[in-house]
Amino acid sequence: MRDKSNLDNLEKIEVLTDAVRNFTEIVSKFQNTFQELQDKINFLSTQLEKKNIELEKQITKRENTKNFLNSILENIYTGVIVIDNSAEIIIFNKAAENITGYYKNDVVGLNYREFLQKNHLDINKSALQTLSTGKETHHRQKVVISADEEIREVEYSTSIITDSNNEFLGVAEIFNDVSELNKLQKRMSHMETLAALGEMAASVAHEIRNPLSGIGGFAGLLDRQLPAEDSRKKLVTPIISGVNRLNSIVTNLLTYTRPQKLNPTKKNIHKLLDEVIDFFKMSISINSEEFEIIKNYCENEVNIYIDSQLFQQILLNMLRNAFDARDTSKEKSFIEIKTKTIMPENMSDVLEPEEIEELRQLFSFVQIDIIDNGKGITPENMQKLFNPFFTTKETGNGLGLAICKKIINLHQGDIHVTSEINKGTTFSITLPLFEKYEKKNTYS
């Protein structure tokens, strides 16, 4: 009986041992499986972290690229307007603001058609035409009225914008202000016309001068031979006066048309102005309480290379014009002579010292303003001011300002005029401040 009981116990122990062994094996398998899963999780976590880092880099790179492109878009000189397929303005860059005078925050989100209609602009000459027809336009010109009601001529092009799947997104309109360029082209065309007229006038002037000299000579001879009490002597005087006037016109015409040679020397512009002003004061007779010349020179000494004889002729002519334009109804008339120097500042550090000096010489100028409080010049006369033979004076020949402009241009300078009726006129002469100007001592 006891042996049977012991046998049963042994069987139970074996069963229990087998069960423990199986359990241990299962636990071991679970542990191995768990470790494998843990390793896979760690591997995937590492891979995911790498992917996240790469994705962040790509996002950062795309964001930087986007910002860079936006920066380019905002800083280019060309105006850009982009509309979507419903004609809503979605892009309006800084150049577009500068050209049109409208601010981005006030324009983006508006319907482009309504914007154009509101500002009385041509709808057909815009991105709307491309949006409605699907046809792009290139290098066309139109007129834009800016926010401050200034008329500007612009050259524009339009293009269709699509995505990577060639799906239509909208239309871009790019444009540039070509007002100054058109003015320059008209000016060049005008100068070519004047040059052709000048050549013809020079030929005519030479033909006139020879018989004119004979008329003047015989009239002078007749004047000397006639006694003072002879009534015919009164008829000779206007002949001589007319001949002298014609001779003056012919001389000025030849001065304007023939090549001019400059002999520049280094002069202090303020001393030169003082000399001209003193001479001009002696040539006029007027009460100082009625008329005054005001000097308003810049503090620094200004020395430039200039043909002083020709430049004195310019200044005297312009002072005479300002004096003749005075408004006698005003209590006191004046001419103000103002000077200032214009020099570039904040030059880039990336340039070499010699490059900086070269640019400084190239973009440095002296400006001489001749300001009066006279009658002013009408807008229609402003357009013809420097044309030969245009004058508003009864005794003028209309060549004075034309000659002035020619001589100033020969000095590589320029002249501009601003005027307001009944308030006065300002002539601004700009001349270069070249330190190496002495090497260029003649011009024709």
Protein backbone atom coordinates (compact mmCIF):
# COMPACT_ATOMS: atom_id res chain seq x y z
CA MET A 1 0.00 0.00 0.00
CA ARG A 2 2.81 2.35 0.91
CA ASP A 3 4.69 1.46 -2.31
CA LYS A 4 1.65 2.32 -4.39
CA SER A 5 1.35 5.67 -2.63
CA ASN A 6 5.01 6.41 -3.19
CA LEU A 7 4.62 5.51 -6.84
CA ASP A 8 1.71 7.93 -7.21
CA ASN A 9 3.74 10.67 -5.59
CA LEU A 10 6.64 10.05 -7.94
CA GLU A 11 4.32 10.29 -10.94
CA LYS A 12 2.89 13.52 -9.62
CA ILE A 13 6.39 14.91 -9.07
CA GLU A 14 7.35 13.99 -12.63
CA VAL A 15 4.22 15.63 -13.99
CA LEU A 16 4.89 18.72 -11.91
CA THR A 17 8.54 18.74 -13.00
CA ASP A 18 7.49 18.48 -16.64
CA ALA A 19 5.00 21.27 -16.12
CA VAL A 20 7.64 23.48 -14.49
CA ARG A 21 10.05 22.65 -17.30
CA ASN A 22 7.45 23.51 -19.94
CA PHE A 23 6.56 26.70 -18.10
CA THR A 24 10.23 27.65 -17.91
CA GLU A 25 10.62 27.02 -21.64
CA ILE A 26 7.52 29.07 -22.42
CA VAL A 27 8.73 31.92 -20.17
CA SER A 28 12.11 31.75 -21.88
CA LYS A 29 10.46 31.94 -25.29
CA PHE A 30 8.33 34.86 -24.11
CA GLN A 31 11.46 36.59 -22.84
CA ASN A 32 13.25 36.00 -26.15
CA THR A 33 10.22 37.17 -28.09
CA PHE A 34 9.91 40.24 -25.85
CA GLN A 35 13.58 41.01 -26.33
CA GLU A 36 13.20 40.69 -30.09
CA LEU A 37 10.20 43.01 -29.98
CA GLN A 38 12.12 45.41 -27.77
CA ASP A 39 15.04 45.37 -30.20
CA LYS A 40 12.68 45.98 -33.11
CA ILE A 41 10.99 48.81 -31.22
CA ASN A 42 14.38 50.35 -30.41
CA PHE A 43 15.43 49.98 -34.05
CA LEU A 44 12.18 51.51 -35.31
CA SER A 45 12.46 54.29 -32.73
CA THR A 46 15.98 55.04 -33.93
CA GLN A 47 14.84 54.98 -37.55
CA LEU A 48 11.84 57.16 -36.72
CA GLU A 49 14.08 59.63 -34.92
CA LYS A 50 16.38 59.77 -37.94
CA LYS A 51 13.41 60.26 -40.24
CA ASN A 52 12.08 63.01 -37.98
CA ILE A 53 15.46 64.74 -38.04
CA GLU A 54 15.62 64.45 -41.85
CA LEU A 55 12.04 65.67 -42.12
CA GLU A 56 12.79 68.64 -39.86
CA LYS A 57 15.82 69.44 -42.00
CA GLN A 58 13.71 69.25 -45.15
CA ILE A 59 10.99 71.41 -43.59
CA THR A 60 13.63 73.93 -42.44
CA LYS A 61 15.26 73.88 -45.87
CA ARG A 62 11.92 74.38 -47.61
CA GLU A 63 11.04 77.16 -45.18
CA ASN A 64 14.41 78.82 -45.80
CA THR A 65 13.93 78.44 -49.55
CA LYS A 66 10.43 79.88 -49.26
CA ASN A 67 11.72 82.81 -47.19
CA PHE A 68 14.58 83.32 -49.64
CA LEU A 69 12.20 83.34 -52.61
CA ASN A 70 9.85 85.69 -50.76
CA SER A 71 12.82 87.94 -49.98
CA ILE A 72 13.78 87.98 -53.67
CA LEU A 73 10.17 88.70 -54.62
CA GLU A 74 10.01 91.60 -52.16
CA ASN A 75 13.35 93.12 -53.09
CA ILE A 76 13.39 92.91 -56.88
CA TYR A 77 12.86 96.14 -58.79
CA THR A 78 10.04 94.61 -60.87
CA GLY A 79 6.47 94.92 -59.59
CA VAL A 80 4.61 91.61 -59.22
CA ILE A 81 0.86 91.07 -58.84
CA VAL A 82 -0.54 87.53 -58.68
CA ILE A 83 -4.26 86.71 -58.83
CA ASP A 84 -5.92 83.33 -58.30
CA ASN A 85 -8.55 81.75 -60.56
CA SER A 86 -11.26 83.89 -58.97
CA ALA A 87 -9.31 87.13 -59.72
CA GLU A 88 -8.47 87.72 -56.05
CA ILE A 89 -5.11 89.42 -55.47
CA ILE A 90 -2.89 87.05 -53.47
CA ILE A 91 0.57 88.58 -54.03
CA PHE A 92 1.49 92.27 -54.21
CA ASN A 93 5.22 92.87 -53.72
CA LYS A 94 7.16 95.91 -52.51
CA ALA A 95 8.04 97.13 -56.01
CA ALA A 96 4.33 97.05 -56.89
CA GLU A 97 3.74 99.24 -53.81
CA ASN A 98 6.44 101.71 -54.92
CA ILE A 99 5.16 101.95 -58.49
CA THR A 100 1.43 102.15 -57.75
CA GLY A 101 1.56 103.90 -54.38
CA TYR A 102 -0.86 101.37 -52.85
CA TYR A 103 0.05 99.31 -49.79
CA LYS A 104 0.10 95.51 -49.80
CA ASN A 105 -2.15 95.20 -46.74
CA ASP A 106 -4.80 97.33 -48.45
CA VAL A 107 -4.69 95.41 -51.74
CA VAL A 108 -4.19 91.69 -50.99
CA GLY A 109 -7.56 89.95 -50.78
CA LEU A 110 -9.33 92.42 -53.09
CA ASN A 111 -10.82 91.42 -56.42
CA TYR A 112 -8.45 92.69 -59.11
CA ARG A 113 -11.32 93.74 -61.39
CA GLU A 114 -12.86 95.90 -58.67
CA PHE A 115 -9.46 97.37 -57.83
CA LEU A 116 -8.86 98.40 -61.47
CA GLN A 117 -12.38 99.80 -61.89
CA LYS A 118 -12.11 101.77 -58.65
CA ASN A 119 -8.89 103.43 -59.84
CA HIS A 120 -10.10 103.99 -63.42
CA LEU A 121 -7.49 101.67 -64.96
CA ASP A 122 -7.78 99.62 -68.15
CA ILE A 123 -9.02 96.13 -67.26
CA ASN A 124 -8.04 94.71 -70.66
CA LYS A 125 -4.39 95.64 -70.10
CA SER A 126 -3.84 93.45 -67.05
CA ALA A 127 -3.72 89.90 -65.74
CA LEU A 128 -7.52 89.78 -66.07
CA GLN A 129 -7.22 89.54 -69.84
CA THR A 130 -4.98 86.49 -69.49
CA LEU A 131 -7.31 85.03 -66.86
CA SER A 132 -10.31 85.31 -69.18
CA THR A 133 -8.65 84.40 -72.50
CA GLY A 134 -5.81 82.10 -71.43
CA LYS A 135 -3.40 84.10 -73.62
CA GLU A 136 -0.24 85.57 -72.13
CA THR A 137 1.04 89.05 -73.03
CA HIS A 138 4.67 90.15 -73.23
CA HIS A 139 6.38 93.56 -73.16
CA ARG A 140 3.28 95.71 -73.63
CA GLN A 141 2.94 99.25 -72.29
CA LYS A 142 0.13 100.94 -70.39
CA VAL A 143 -0.55 103.92 -68.15
CA VAL A 144 -0.97 103.53 -64.39
CA ILE A 145 -2.41 106.22 -62.14
CA SER A 146 -0.70 105.97 -58.75
CA ALA A 147 -2.35 106.55 -55.38
CA ASP A 148 -1.05 110.14 -55.38
CA GLU A 149 -2.64 110.62 -58.85
CA GLU A 150 0.69 110.62 -60.65
CA ILE A 151 0.57 109.22 -64.19
CA ARG A 152 3.23 106.56 -64.79
CA GLU A 153 4.07 104.61 -67.91
CA VAL A 154 4.79 100.93 -67.24
CA GLU A 155 5.89 97.97 -69.34
CA TYR A 156 4.08 94.80 -68.33
CA SER A 157 3.86 91.07 -69.10
CA THR A 158 1.47 88.37 -67.89
CA SER A 159 1.97 84.62 -67.48
CA ILE A 160 -0.17 81.66 -66.42
CA ILE A 161 0.76 79.85 -63.18
CA THR A 162 0.23 76.06 -62.92
CA ASP A 163 1.20 73.38 -60.39
CA SER A 164 3.27 70.21 -60.94
CA ASN A 165 0.19 68.50 -62.38
CA ASN A 166 -0.37 71.36 -64.84
CA GLU A 167 -3.47 72.43 -62.93
CA PHE A 168 -4.33 76.14 -63.34
CA LEU A 169 -3.59 78.20 -60.21
CA GLY A 170 -3.73 81.81 -61.35
CA VAL A 171 -2.03 84.58 -63.35
CA ALA A 172 1.07 86.66 -62.59
CA GLU A 173 1.49 90.21 -63.87
CA ILE A 174 4.98 91.74 -63.76
CA PHE A 175 5.65 95.39 -64.61
CA ASN A 176 8.34 98.09 -64.54
CA ASP A 177 8.09 101.87 -64.41
CA VAL A 178 9.49 103.07 -67.76
CA SER A 179 8.41 106.71 -67.43
CA GLU A 180 11.97 108.02 -67.13
CA LEU A 181 13.20 105.71 -69.91
CA ASN A 182 10.47 106.97 -72.26
CA LYS A 183 11.33 110.56 -71.34
CA LEU A 184 14.99 109.84 -72.10
CA GLN A 185 14.12 108.29 -75.46
CA LYS A 186 11.97 111.30 -76.35
CA ARG A 187 14.78 113.56 -75.21
CA MET A 188 17.32 111.71 -77.38
CA SER A 189 14.97 111.90 -80.37
CA HIS A 190 14.49 115.60 -79.69
CA MET A 191 18.26 116.10 -79.47
CA GLU A 192 18.78 114.31 -82.78
CA THR A 193 16.20 116.60 -84.36
CA LEU A 194 17.87 119.67 -82.84
CA ALA A 195 21.27 118.45 -84.04
CA ALA A 196 19.97 118.17 -87.61
CA LEU A 197 18.38 121.61 -87.36
CA GLY A 198 21.59 122.94 -85.84
CA GLU A 199 23.67 121.75 -88.80
CA MET A 200 21.25 123.41 -91.19
CA ALA A 201 21.18 126.59 -89.08
CA ALA A 202 24.98 126.70 -89.00
CA SER A 203 25.12 126.60 -92.79
CA VAL A 204 22.51 129.33 -93.03
CA ALA A 205 24.34 131.42 -90.41
CA HIS A 206 27.57 131.33 -92.42
CA GLU A 207 25.67 132.42 -95.53
CA ILE A 208 24.02 135.28 -93.60
CA ARG A 209 27.19 136.54 -91.90
CA ASN A 210 29.04 137.52 -95.12
CA PRO A 211 26.38 139.89 -96.59
CA LEU A 212 25.57 141.05 -93.06
CA SER A 213 29.13 142.22 -92.58
CA GLY A 214 28.90 144.16 -95.83
CA ILE A 215 25.61 145.80 -94.81
CA GLY A 216 27.04 146.73 -91.42
CA GLY A 217 30.22 148.12 -92.93
CA PHE A 218 28.44 150.28 -95.50
CA ALA A 219 25.88 151.45 -92.91
CA GLY A 220 28.72 152.47 -90.57
CA LEU A 221 30.51 154.25 -93.39
CA LEU A 222 27.31 156.10 -94.31
CA ASP A 223 26.74 157.07 -90.67
CA ARG A 224 30.22 158.60 -90.43
CA GLN A 225 29.86 160.53 -93.68
CA LEU A 226 26.48 162.06 -92.91
CA PRO A 227 26.58 165.20 -90.76
CA ALA A 228 24.77 165.13 -87.43
CA GLU A 229 22.10 167.59 -88.61
CA ASP A 230 21.24 165.48 -91.69
CA SER A 231 17.77 163.94 -91.29
CA ARG A 232 18.92 160.82 -93.18
CA LYS A 233 21.24 159.97 -90.31
CA LYS A 234 18.20 158.95 -88.25
CA LEU A 235 17.44 156.30 -90.89
CA VAL A 236 20.94 154.81 -90.68
CA THR A 237 20.85 154.30 -86.89
CA PRO A 238 18.13 151.57 -86.89
CA ILE A 239 19.97 149.81 -89.76
CA ILE A 240 23.13 149.60 -87.67
CA SER A 241 21.12 148.49 -84.61
CA GLY A 242 19.37 145.80 -86.66
CA VAL A 243 22.64 144.57 -88.14
CA ASN A 244 24.19 144.33 -84.67
CA ARG A 245 21.19 142.37 -83.42
CA LEU A 246 21.31 140.00 -86.38
CA ASN A 247 25.05 139.59 -85.91
CA SER A 248 24.47 138.74 -82.23
CA ILE A 249 21.90 136.09 -83.20
CA VAL A 250 24.23 134.58 -85.82
CA THR A 251 27.13 134.55 -83.35
CA ASN A 252 25.03 132.79 -80.70
CA LEU A 253 23.73 130.36 -83.29
CA LEU A 254 27.26 129.43 -84.33
CA THR A 255 28.24 129.08 -80.67
CA TYR A 256 25.34 126.69 -80.17
CA THR A 257 25.88 124.59 -83.32
CA ARG A 258 29.63 124.28 -83.73
CA PRO A 259 31.78 121.88 -81.65
CA GLN A 260 32.90 123.53 -78.42
CA LYS A 261 36.33 122.95 -76.90
CA LEU A 262 36.70 123.18 -73.13
CA ASN A 263 39.81 124.35 -71.33
CA PRO A 264 39.10 123.33 -67.73
CA THR A 265 41.22 124.54 -64.85
CA LYS A 266 40.83 123.92 -61.15
CA LYS A 267 38.61 126.64 -59.67
CA ASN A 268 36.97 127.33 -56.34
CA ILE A 269 33.31 127.38 -57.32
CA HIS A 270 32.38 129.82 -54.55
CA LYS A 271 35.02 132.35 -55.62
CA LEU A 272 33.85 132.00 -59.22
CA LEU A 273 30.26 132.65 -58.12
CA ASP A 274 31.35 135.70 -56.14
CA GLU A 275 33.12 137.14 -59.21
CA VAL A 276 30.07 136.62 -61.42
CA ILE A 277 27.68 138.07 -58.82
CA ASP A 278 29.85 141.18 -58.36
CA PHE A 279 30.00 141.74 -62.11
CA PHE A 280 26.24 141.20 -62.43
CA LYS A 281 25.51 143.71 -59.66
CA MET A 282 27.52 146.33 -61.54
CA SER A 283 25.54 145.68 -64.73
CA ILE A 284 22.15 146.40 -63.16
CA SER A 285 20.81 149.54 -61.57
CA ILE A 286 18.13 148.87 -59.00
CA ASN A 287 17.46 149.86 -55.42
CA SER A 288 18.71 147.29 -52.89
CA GLU A 289 15.40 147.65 -51.06
CA GLU A 290 13.61 146.32 -54.14
CA PHE A 291 16.06 143.59 -55.14
CA GLU A 292 18.62 141.43 -53.32
CA ILE A 293 21.05 138.63 -54.16
CA ILE A 294 21.35 136.06 -51.36
CA LYS A 295 24.36 133.75 -51.06
CA ASN A 296 23.79 130.44 -49.34
CA TYR A 297 26.96 128.44 -49.91
CA CYS A 298 27.79 125.09 -48.33
CA GLU A 299 30.45 125.19 -45.60
CA ASN A 300 33.07 123.00 -47.24
CA GLU A 301 35.38 124.36 -49.92
CA VAL A 302 34.45 123.12 -53.40
CA ASN A 303 37.15 122.93 -56.06
CA ILE A 304 36.28 121.53 -59.48
CA TYR A 305 37.84 121.50 -62.94
CA ILE A 306 35.85 123.85 -65.10
CA ASP A 307 36.17 126.20 -68.07
CA SER A 308 35.69 129.35 -66.02
CA GLN A 309 35.19 131.67 -69.01
CA LEU A 310 32.34 129.60 -70.46
CA PHE A 311 30.85 128.98 -67.05
CA GLN A 312 30.81 132.68 -66.24
CA GLN A 313 28.81 133.13 -69.45
CA ILE A 314 26.29 130.53 -68.22
CA LEU A 315 25.89 132.08 -64.77
CA LEU A 316 25.56 135.63 -66.08
CA ASN A 317 22.89 134.54 -68.54
CA MET A 318 20.93 132.71 -65.84
CA LEU A 319 21.20 135.60 -63.38
CA ARG A 320 19.96 137.95 -66.10
CA ASN A 321 17.02 135.63 -66.83
CA ALA A 322 16.13 135.45 -63.12
CA PHE A 323 16.37 139.23 -62.84
CA ASP A 324 14.17 139.79 -65.90
CA ALA A 325 11.59 137.33 -64.52
CA ARG A 326 11.13 139.25 -61.27
CA ASP A 327 7.59 140.14 -60.25
CA THR A 328 7.47 143.93 -59.84
CA SER A 329 4.17 143.71 -57.96
CA LYS A 330 5.99 142.08 -55.05
CA GLU A 331 7.46 144.25 -52.33
CA LYS A 332 10.93 142.79 -52.82
CA SER A 333 12.47 140.47 -55.38
CA PHE A 334 15.49 138.27 -54.75
CA ILE A 335 17.82 135.75 -56.35
CA GLU A 336 19.29 133.12 -54.04
CA ILE A 337 22.45 131.27 -55.02
CA LYS A 338 22.71 128.01 -53.09
CA THR A 339 25.38 125.31 -53.28
CA LYS A 340 25.66 121.83 -51.81
CA THR A 341 27.80 118.76 -52.36
CA ILE A 342 26.32 115.33 -53.01
CA MET A 343 28.56 112.40 -52.05
CA PRO A 344 27.80 108.68 -51.55
CA GLU A 345 27.73 107.43 -47.97
CA ASN A 346 27.75 104.02 -46.27
CA MET A 347 29.94 102.39 -48.91
CA SER A 348 30.04 98.57 -48.74
CA ASP A 349 32.82 96.97 -46.69
CA VAL A 350 33.28 94.27 -49.35
CA LEU A 351 34.85 96.80 -51.74
CA GLU A 352 38.55 97.48 -51.93
CA PRO A 353 39.73 100.96 -50.87
CA GLU A 354 40.58 101.92 -54.46
CA GLU A 355 37.15 100.72 -55.62
CA ILE A 356 35.46 102.81 -52.93
CA GLU A 357 37.47 105.85 -53.98
CA GLU A 358 36.62 105.28 -57.64
CA LEU A 359 32.90 105.05 -56.85
CA ARG A 360 33.10 108.09 -54.59
CA GLN A 361 34.64 110.10 -57.43
CA LEU A 362 32.07 108.80 -59.91
CA PHE A 363 29.03 109.63 -57.78
CA SER A 364 30.15 112.90 -56.18
CA PHE A 365 28.62 116.14 -57.40
CA VAL A 366 28.23 119.81 -56.60
CA GLN A 367 24.79 121.33 -57.09
CA ILE A 368 24.26 125.02 -57.76
CA ASP A 369 20.71 126.29 -57.34
CA ILE A 370 19.66 129.65 -58.77
CA ILE A 371 16.36 130.51 -57.08
CA ASP A 372 14.10 133.47 -57.71
CA ASN A 373 10.70 134.58 -56.41
CA GLY A 374 9.56 135.84 -59.79
CA LYS A 375 6.59 135.20 -62.05
CA GLY A 376 7.32 131.52 -62.64
CA ILE A 377 7.13 129.47 -65.85
CA THR A 378 3.96 127.93 -67.24
CA PRO A 379 3.90 124.11 -67.71
CA GLU A 380 3.63 124.45 -71.51
CA ASN A 381 6.69 126.72 -71.62
CA MET A 382 8.64 124.36 -69.34
CA GLN A 383 8.56 121.72 -72.10
CA LYS A 384 10.20 124.11 -74.60
CA LEU A 385 12.54 125.94 -72.24
CA PHE A 386 15.86 124.69 -73.70
CA ASN A 387 14.72 124.66 -77.34
CA PRO A 388 16.72 126.96 -79.64
CA PHE A 389 14.87 130.17 -80.56
CA PHE A 390 12.20 129.69 -77.91
CA THR A 391 11.81 132.82 -75.82
CA THR A 392 9.13 134.74 -73.94
CA LYS A 393 11.13 137.99 -74.06
CA GLU A 394 10.35 140.64 -76.64
CA THR A 395 14.06 141.24 -77.36
CA GLY A 396 15.39 137.72 -76.73
CA ASN A 397 16.70 135.35 -79.40
CA GLY A 398 15.97 132.13 -77.50
CA LEU A 399 19.53 130.75 -77.63
CA GLY A 400 20.75 131.65 -74.13
CA LEU A 401 19.41 128.63 -72.22
CA ALA A 402 20.12 126.29 -75.14
CA ILE A 403 23.79 127.36 -75.04
CA CYS A 404 23.83 127.05 -71.23
CA LYS A 405 22.58 123.48 -71.41
CA LYS A 406 25.12 122.58 -74.09
CA ILE A 407 28.06 123.93 -72.07
CA ILE A 408 26.85 122.23 -68.86
CA ASN A 409 26.49 118.91 -70.72
CA LEU A 410 30.04 119.34 -72.08
CA HIS A 411 31.18 119.59 -68.46
CA GLN A 412 29.47 116.19 -67.92
CA GLY A 413 26.83 117.94 -65.84
CA ASP A 414 23.10 118.47 -66.11
CA ILE A 415 20.50 121.18 -65.51
CA HIS A 416 16.94 120.83 -64.19
CA VAL A 417 14.16 123.35 -63.68
CA THR A 418 11.27 123.51 -61.23
CA SER A 419 8.80 126.36 -61.24
CA GLU A 420 5.51 127.51 -59.78
CA ILE A 421 3.45 130.35 -61.19
CA ASN A 422 3.62 133.56 -59.08
CA LYS A 423 6.02 131.89 -56.62
CA GLY A 424 9.27 131.52 -58.49
CA THR A 425 11.69 129.28 -60.38
CA THR A 426 14.71 127.18 -59.47
CA PHE A 427 17.44 126.23 -61.95
CA SER A 428 19.61 123.42 -60.56
CA ILE A 429 23.03 122.84 -62.14
CA THR A 430 24.79 119.59 -61.22
CA LEU A 431 28.51 119.17 -61.95
CA PRO A 432 30.81 116.21 -61.23
CA LEU A 433 33.50 116.39 -58.54
CA PHE A 434 36.12 114.25 -60.27
CA GLU A 435 39.55 114.39 -58.62
CA LYS A 436 41.13 112.95 -61.79
CA TYR A 437 39.23 115.35 -64.04
CA GLU A 438 42.43 117.12 -65.08
CA LYS A 439 43.30 114.16 -67.33
CA LYS A 440 40.22 114.95 -69.42
CA ASN A 441 41.17 118.54 -70.25
CA THR A 442 39.41 118.98 -73.61
CA TYR A 443 35.99 118.07 -74.93
CA SER A 444 34.35 118.68 -78.25
